[in-house]
Amino acid sequence: VYLGRRAENDAENDAESGAETRAEARAEARAGNQVAIKLLRADLTEDTAARDRFVREAMAATRVARFCTAQVYEADVAGDRPYIVSEYVPGPSLHRLVQEEGPRQGAALERLAVGTATALVAIHQAGIVHRDFKPHNVLMAPDGPRVIDFGIARALDMTSTLSTRSIGTPAYMAPEQVLGGQITPAADLFAWGVTMVFAATGQPAFGQDAIAAVAQRIVAGEPRLAGLPEDLTGVVLDCLAKEPERRPQARDLLMLLLGHAAPSGEASTGPPTEAPPTTVLAEGVNLAAAQTSPLDAVQPAAQPAQRTGAAPPATGRRRTA
């Protein structure tokens, strides 16, 4: 029996979560599947904050649709050494992939954009705000991107925790996170926009130098989009709006990426289909058309900036003067 590798984590993630990962692959005894085992560090088992974070990660991960994350098979968060056993996802993080192979382009970038937007639809549909969406937490699996690491995620019914101190990774924080304001699903959309800029250019939209300088640009500066394909620029700019109420919801973002107009705000009828679709894209279309989620009570309706001009290519909308 071997311990499974979940994914590479940067030192910052490990320090924040108090988790350790192992580099070997484990064969799941009954099904023959490789799994990943995440353990709380032995020196932090008595640390209430670290244990609470571990519990939150396990709870959040089990609520999210399994097609867009690493499925949790088993978890014990009450024992002497808490652990989470989850699906092993073969593939590097988006951060490592871009570092080793360069920015994503063309169809690869479009698939990434649609796949990660679909994941955010599922995460928000489950009533979860990720709060740390970034390239390190996107695994590039053979069957599409998976969003992982829910260590600082929050359920929206935990209202007392949604207006707290700044938390997350500075280069991918939304302005309201930097300023310690209320954190809604709109913060994940901002992080998605920054992540797409990184994927296309190799650099986050507001830089990654001194934390204070990055924070100032996020709050008051303009994003650096040189190298971002023109047909993604408009939708990324919408997600990078300083005011959270001006960003699209995840469902609207997905529709824009698929070449459809953003929904007008009316609640759709009928629950999500229960038949498993054959592709991540099909799952995303079903989720985007699903019944109003628990998030709608918290996040204001999206009000994207007005645009003019002809209809854009299927990957997004082009912003015009």
Protein backbone atom coordinates (compact mmCIF):
# COMPACT_ATOMS: atom_id res chain seq x y z
CA VAL A 1 0.00 0.00 0.00
CA TYR A 2 1.45 3.38 -1.03
CA LEU A 3 0.41 6.89 -0.17
CA GLY A 4 -0.96 8.74 -3.19
CA ARG A 5 0.17 12.09 -4.55
CA ARG A 6 -2.61 14.66 -4.73
CA ALA A 7 -0.65 17.35 -6.59
CA GLU A 8 2.37 19.53 -6.06
CA ASN A 9 1.70 22.33 -3.60
CA ASP A 10 3.79 25.40 -3.19
CA ALA A 11 5.29 26.06 0.22
CA GLU A 12 2.75 28.81 0.83
CA ASN A 13 -0.18 26.41 0.48
CA ASP A 14 1.41 23.86 2.79
CA ALA A 15 2.18 26.48 5.40
CA GLU A 16 -1.38 27.84 5.32
CA SER A 17 -3.18 24.53 5.37
CA GLY A 18 -0.91 22.58 7.69
CA ALA A 19 -1.21 19.69 5.28
CA GLU A 20 1.44 17.40 3.90
CA THR A 21 1.31 15.45 0.69
CA ARG A 22 3.22 12.31 -0.25
CA ALA A 23 4.92 11.71 -3.57
CA GLU A 24 4.05 8.04 -4.18
CA ALA A 25 0.93 6.55 -5.75
CA ARG A 26 -1.35 4.27 -3.77
CA ALA A 27 -3.46 1.48 -5.28
CA GLU A 28 -6.94 1.50 -3.79
CA ALA A 29 -7.31 -2.06 -2.57
CA ARG A 30 -10.83 -2.79 -3.70
CA ALA A 31 -11.27 -0.87 -6.94
CA GLY A 32 -7.67 -0.72 -8.07
CA ASN A 33 -7.83 3.08 -8.36
CA GLN A 34 -5.00 5.36 -7.39
CA VAL A 35 -5.90 7.68 -4.55
CA ALA A 36 -4.40 10.66 -2.80
CA ILE A 37 -4.06 10.88 0.97
CA LYS A 38 -3.78 14.25 2.64
CA LEU A 39 -2.72 14.28 6.29
CA LEU A 40 -2.73 17.04 8.84
CA ARG A 41 0.84 17.59 9.95
CA ALA A 42 1.58 15.81 13.21
CA ASP A 43 2.80 19.00 14.88
CA LEU A 44 -0.50 20.74 14.12
CA THR A 45 -2.98 18.13 15.32
CA GLU A 46 -3.53 20.15 18.51
CA ASP A 47 -3.80 23.45 16.59
CA THR A 48 -7.50 24.31 16.59
CA ALA A 49 -7.25 26.69 13.63
CA ALA A 50 -5.36 24.17 11.48
CA ARG A 51 -7.79 21.39 12.38
CA ASP A 52 -10.79 23.62 11.62
CA ARG A 53 -9.34 24.48 8.24
CA PHE A 54 -8.85 20.79 7.50
CA VAL A 55 -12.46 20.07 8.47
CA ARG A 56 -13.69 22.87 6.20
CA GLU A 57 -11.71 21.49 3.28
CA ALA A 58 -13.19 18.02 3.71
CA MET A 59 -16.74 19.33 4.05
CA ALA A 60 -16.48 21.70 1.09
CA ALA A 61 -14.91 19.13 -1.22
CA THR A 62 -17.69 16.62 -0.56
CA ARG A 63 -20.36 19.19 -1.49
CA VAL A 64 -18.92 20.01 -4.91
CA ALA A 65 -19.82 17.99 -8.02
CA ARG A 66 -17.12 15.37 -8.44
CA PHE A 67 -16.55 15.96 -12.15
CA CYS A 68 -14.76 19.28 -11.51
CA THR A 69 -12.59 18.44 -8.50
CA ALA A 70 -10.78 15.52 -6.89
CA GLN A 71 -13.57 13.31 -5.55
CA VAL A 72 -13.36 12.62 -1.82
CA TYR A 73 -13.64 8.91 -1.02
CA GLU A 74 -13.22 9.02 2.74
CA ALA A 75 -12.27 11.45 5.47
CA ASP A 76 -11.60 11.27 9.20
CA VAL A 77 -11.30 14.70 10.73
CA ALA A 78 -12.04 13.74 14.33
CA GLY A 79 -9.21 11.30 14.99
CA ASP A 80 -5.73 11.84 16.37
CA ARG A 81 -4.36 12.31 12.83
CA PRO A 82 -7.03 13.76 10.52
CA TYR A 83 -6.86 12.66 6.90
CA ILE A 84 -8.70 12.97 3.58
CA VAL A 85 -8.61 10.21 0.97
CA SER A 86 -9.47 11.53 -2.47
CA GLU A 87 -9.19 10.72 -6.14
CA TYR A 88 -5.67 10.85 -7.54
CA VAL A 89 -5.57 13.35 -10.40
CA PRO A 90 -2.70 12.63 -12.82
CA GLY A 91 -1.38 15.88 -14.17
CA PRO A 92 0.50 19.01 -13.12
CA SER A 93 -1.00 22.19 -11.81
CA LEU A 94 -1.70 24.96 -14.31
CA HIS A 95 1.03 26.97 -12.59
CA ARG A 96 3.65 24.28 -13.18
CA LEU A 97 2.45 23.60 -16.72
CA VAL A 98 2.83 27.24 -17.73
CA GLN A 99 6.22 27.46 -16.02
CA GLU A 100 7.53 24.36 -17.79
CA GLU A 101 5.82 24.57 -21.19
CA GLY A 102 4.87 28.22 -21.56
CA PRO A 103 1.52 30.03 -21.82
CA ARG A 104 -1.55 28.28 -23.18
CA GLN A 105 -2.78 29.34 -26.61
CA GLY A 106 -5.58 28.69 -29.07
CA ALA A 107 -7.90 25.78 -28.38
CA ALA A 108 -5.94 24.73 -25.27
CA LEU A 109 -6.62 28.13 -23.68
CA GLU A 110 -10.27 28.04 -24.73
CA ARG A 111 -10.75 24.57 -23.22
CA LEU A 112 -9.12 25.77 -20.01
CA ALA A 113 -11.39 28.82 -19.85
CA VAL A 114 -14.57 26.79 -20.39
CA GLY A 115 -13.49 23.96 -18.09
CA THR A 116 -12.59 26.21 -15.17
CA ALA A 117 -15.71 28.34 -15.63
CA THR A 118 -17.75 25.13 -15.54
CA ALA A 119 -16.02 24.16 -12.30
CA LEU A 120 -16.91 27.52 -10.75
CA VAL A 121 -20.55 27.02 -11.76
CA ALA A 122 -20.53 23.69 -9.90
CA ILE A 123 -18.71 25.10 -6.87
CA HIS A 124 -21.08 28.03 -6.55
CA GLN A 125 -24.08 25.79 -7.26
CA ALA A 126 -23.03 23.84 -4.15
CA GLY A 127 -23.15 27.03 -2.10
CA ILE A 128 -19.36 27.30 -1.76
CA VAL A 129 -17.04 30.27 -2.28
CA HIS A 130 -13.55 28.93 -3.03
CA ARG A 131 -11.67 32.12 -2.02
CA ASP A 132 -8.30 30.87 -3.30
CA PHE A 133 -8.84 30.10 -6.98
CA LYS A 134 -5.45 30.32 -8.71
CA PRO A 135 -3.22 28.38 -11.13
CA HIS A 136 -1.69 26.34 -8.29
CA ASN A 137 -5.16 24.99 -7.48
CA VAL A 138 -6.11 23.99 -11.02
CA LEU A 139 -4.92 20.48 -11.91
CA MET A 140 -4.56 19.76 -15.63
CA ALA A 141 -6.05 16.28 -15.74
CA PRO A 142 -6.26 14.33 -19.02
CA ASP A 143 -10.06 14.72 -19.00
CA GLY A 144 -10.08 18.43 -18.23
CA PRO A 145 -9.10 20.88 -15.47
CA ARG A 146 -9.97 20.10 -11.84
CA VAL A 147 -10.20 22.74 -9.13
CA ILE A 148 -8.77 21.64 -5.79
CA ASP A 149 -7.77 22.88 -2.33
CA PHE A 150 -10.84 24.07 -0.47
CA GLY A 151 -8.86 24.79 2.69
CA ILE A 152 -10.06 28.39 2.99
CA ALA A 153 -13.38 27.90 1.20
CA ARG A 154 -16.56 28.95 2.96
CA ALA A 155 -20.15 27.83 2.71
CA LEU A 156 -22.46 30.77 2.19
CA ASP A 157 -24.61 29.74 5.13
CA MET A 158 -21.63 30.56 7.37
CA THR A 159 -22.51 34.24 7.11
CA SER A 160 -20.42 35.30 10.09
CA THR A 161 -17.23 34.33 8.29
CA LEU A 162 -17.87 36.08 4.99
CA SER A 163 -16.78 39.53 6.19
CA THR A 164 -13.40 38.82 7.74
CA ARG A 165 -9.72 39.59 7.41
CA SER A 166 -7.93 39.41 4.08
CA ILE A 167 -7.24 35.83 3.13
CA GLY A 168 -6.08 34.16 -0.07
CA THR A 169 -3.09 34.51 -2.39
CA PRO A 170 -2.27 38.21 -2.97
CA ALA A 171 -1.82 38.18 -6.76
CA TYR A 172 -5.23 36.51 -7.23
CA MET A 173 -7.25 38.38 -4.60
CA ALA A 174 -10.23 40.51 -5.52
CA PRO A 175 -10.26 44.14 -4.31
CA GLU A 176 -12.79 43.29 -1.59
CA GLN A 177 -10.47 40.57 -0.29
CA VAL A 178 -7.54 42.96 -0.19
CA LEU A 179 -9.65 45.51 1.69
CA GLY A 180 -11.13 42.94 4.08
CA GLY A 181 -14.68 43.41 2.81
CA GLN A 182 -17.51 40.96 2.23
CA ILE A 183 -16.42 38.00 0.15
CA THR A 184 -19.03 36.62 -2.24
CA PRO A 185 -18.78 34.33 -5.28
CA ALA A 186 -17.76 37.42 -7.26
CA ALA A 187 -14.30 37.11 -5.69
CA ASP A 188 -13.85 33.75 -7.43
CA LEU A 189 -14.76 35.37 -10.76
CA PHE A 190 -12.07 38.01 -10.26
CA ALA A 191 -9.54 35.27 -9.49
CA TRP A 192 -10.67 33.41 -12.61
CA GLY A 193 -9.91 36.49 -14.70
CA VAL A 194 -6.43 36.84 -13.22
CA THR A 195 -5.82 33.11 -13.70
CA MET A 196 -6.77 33.30 -17.39
CA VAL A 197 -4.32 36.17 -17.87
CA PHE A 198 -1.61 34.05 -16.24
CA ALA A 199 -2.48 31.07 -18.41
CA ALA A 200 -2.28 33.17 -21.60
CA THR A 201 0.74 35.33 -20.74
CA GLY A 202 2.70 33.66 -17.94
CA GLN A 203 2.08 36.58 -15.56
CA PRO A 204 -0.84 37.49 -13.28
CA ALA A 205 -2.86 40.50 -14.41
CA PHE A 206 -1.59 42.75 -11.61
CA GLY A 207 1.95 41.40 -11.30
CA GLN A 208 3.51 39.27 -8.59
CA ASP A 209 6.21 41.48 -7.08
CA ALA A 210 5.94 43.21 -3.70
CA ILE A 211 2.66 42.41 -1.97
CA ALA A 212 1.90 46.06 -1.25
CA ALA A 213 2.43 47.03 -4.90
CA VAL A 214 0.28 44.17 -6.15
CA ALA A 215 -2.48 45.03 -3.68
CA GLN A 216 -2.45 48.68 -4.80
CA ARG A 217 -2.79 47.68 -8.45
CA ILE A 218 -5.64 45.29 -7.65
CA VAL A 219 -7.57 47.98 -5.81
CA ALA A 220 -6.86 50.98 -8.06
CA GLY A 221 -4.75 49.95 -11.07
CA GLU A 222 -5.45 48.58 -14.53
CA PRO A 223 -4.76 44.93 -15.40
CA ARG A 224 -1.91 44.04 -17.73
CA LEU A 225 -3.53 42.14 -20.58
CA ALA A 226 -0.84 42.23 -23.27
CA GLY A 227 -0.75 38.77 -24.83
CA LEU A 228 -4.34 37.86 -23.91
CA PRO A 229 -6.29 36.86 -27.06
CA GLU A 230 -8.67 39.57 -28.19
CA ASP A 231 -11.70 37.30 -28.09
CA LEU A 232 -11.15 36.63 -24.37
CA THR A 233 -10.29 40.19 -23.41
CA GLY A 234 -13.86 41.45 -22.99
CA VAL A 235 -15.08 38.69 -20.71
CA VAL A 236 -11.87 38.77 -18.66
CA LEU A 237 -12.23 42.53 -18.20
CA ASP A 238 -15.81 42.00 -17.00
CA CYS A 239 -14.51 39.56 -14.36
CA LEU A 240 -11.81 42.03 -13.31
CA ALA A 241 -14.26 44.82 -12.52
CA LYS A 242 -13.31 46.50 -9.25
CA GLU A 243 -16.90 46.42 -7.98
CA PRO A 244 -18.08 42.84 -7.29
CA GLU A 245 -21.64 43.61 -8.39
CA ARG A 246 -20.39 44.44 -11.91
CA ARG A 247 -18.80 41.02 -12.44
CA PRO A 248 -20.78 38.27 -14.15
CA GLN A 249 -21.96 35.28 -12.19
CA ALA A 250 -20.28 31.99 -13.05
CA ARG A 251 -23.29 30.83 -15.07
CA ASP A 252 -23.25 34.04 -17.11
CA LEU A 253 -19.51 33.71 -17.67
CA LEU A 254 -19.95 30.19 -19.00
CA MET A 255 -22.69 31.29 -21.38
CA LEU A 256 -20.46 34.09 -22.69
CA LEU A 257 -17.63 31.67 -23.29
CA LEU A 258 -19.99 29.38 -25.18
CA GLY A 259 -21.00 32.28 -27.43
CA HIS A 260 -24.39 32.99 -25.89
CA ALA A 261 -25.71 36.22 -24.48
CA ALA A 262 -25.64 36.42 -20.71
CA PRO A 263 -28.94 35.35 -19.12
CA SER A 264 -31.29 38.24 -18.39
CA GLY A 265 -31.71 37.24 -14.77
CA GLU A 266 -34.90 35.20 -14.93
CA ALA A 267 -34.79 31.96 -12.97
CA SER A 268 -34.80 28.98 -15.27
CA THR A 269 -37.30 26.20 -14.76
CA GLY A 270 -36.56 22.62 -13.89
CA PRO A 271 -33.73 21.08 -11.86
CA PRO A 272 -30.33 20.13 -13.26
CA THR A 273 -30.35 16.93 -15.25
CA GLU A 274 -29.37 13.89 -13.25
CA ALA A 275 -28.11 11.90 -16.23
CA PRO A 276 -24.31 12.19 -16.31
CA PRO A 277 -23.24 14.02 -19.49
CA THR A 278 -20.48 12.62 -21.65
CA THR A 279 -18.25 15.69 -21.44
CA VAL A 280 -17.33 18.43 -18.99
CA LEU A 281 -18.70 20.95 -21.47
CA ALA A 282 -22.10 19.23 -21.49
CA GLU A 283 -22.11 19.23 -17.69
CA GLY A 284 -21.34 22.93 -17.74
CA VAL A 285 -24.23 23.70 -20.07
CA ASN A 286 -26.60 21.78 -17.77
CA LEU A 287 -25.32 23.56 -14.68
CA ALA A 288 -25.47 26.97 -16.33
CA ALA A 289 -29.14 26.43 -17.16
CA ALA A 290 -29.93 24.97 -13.73
CA GLN A 291 -32.40 26.20 -11.20
CA THR A 292 -31.41 29.24 -9.15
CA SER A 293 -28.64 28.25 -6.75
CA PRO A 294 -28.20 29.19 -3.06
CA LEU A 295 -25.73 31.86 -4.16
CA ASP A 296 -28.34 33.99 -5.86
CA ALA A 297 -29.54 35.21 -2.48
CA VAL A 298 -26.08 36.56 -1.69
CA GLN A 299 -24.60 37.74 -4.98
CA PRO A 300 -26.28 40.61 -6.84
CA ALA A 301 -27.34 40.03 -10.42
CA ALA A 302 -24.51 40.53 -12.88
CA GLN A 303 -24.42 43.85 -14.70
CA PRO A 304 -21.69 43.59 -17.30
CA ALA A 305 -20.48 46.72 -19.02
CA GLN A 306 -22.36 47.74 -22.16
CA ARG A 307 -20.81 46.71 -25.43
CA THR A 308 -21.47 47.43 -29.07
CA GLY A 309 -20.58 45.73 -32.30
CA ALA A 310 -21.12 42.43 -33.99
CA ALA A 311 -21.36 39.09 -32.18
CA PRO A 312 -17.91 37.76 -31.14
CA PRO A 313 -16.36 34.34 -31.71
CA ALA A 314 -17.60 31.49 -29.52
CA THR A 315 -14.86 31.91 -26.90
CA GLY A 316 -16.14 35.18 -25.47
CA ARG A 317 -17.16 38.72 -26.24
CA ARG A 318 -14.91 41.37 -27.72
CA ARG A 319 -14.91 44.72 -25.97
CA THR A 320 -15.15 47.76 -28.23
CA ALA A 321 -14.65 51.42 -27.59
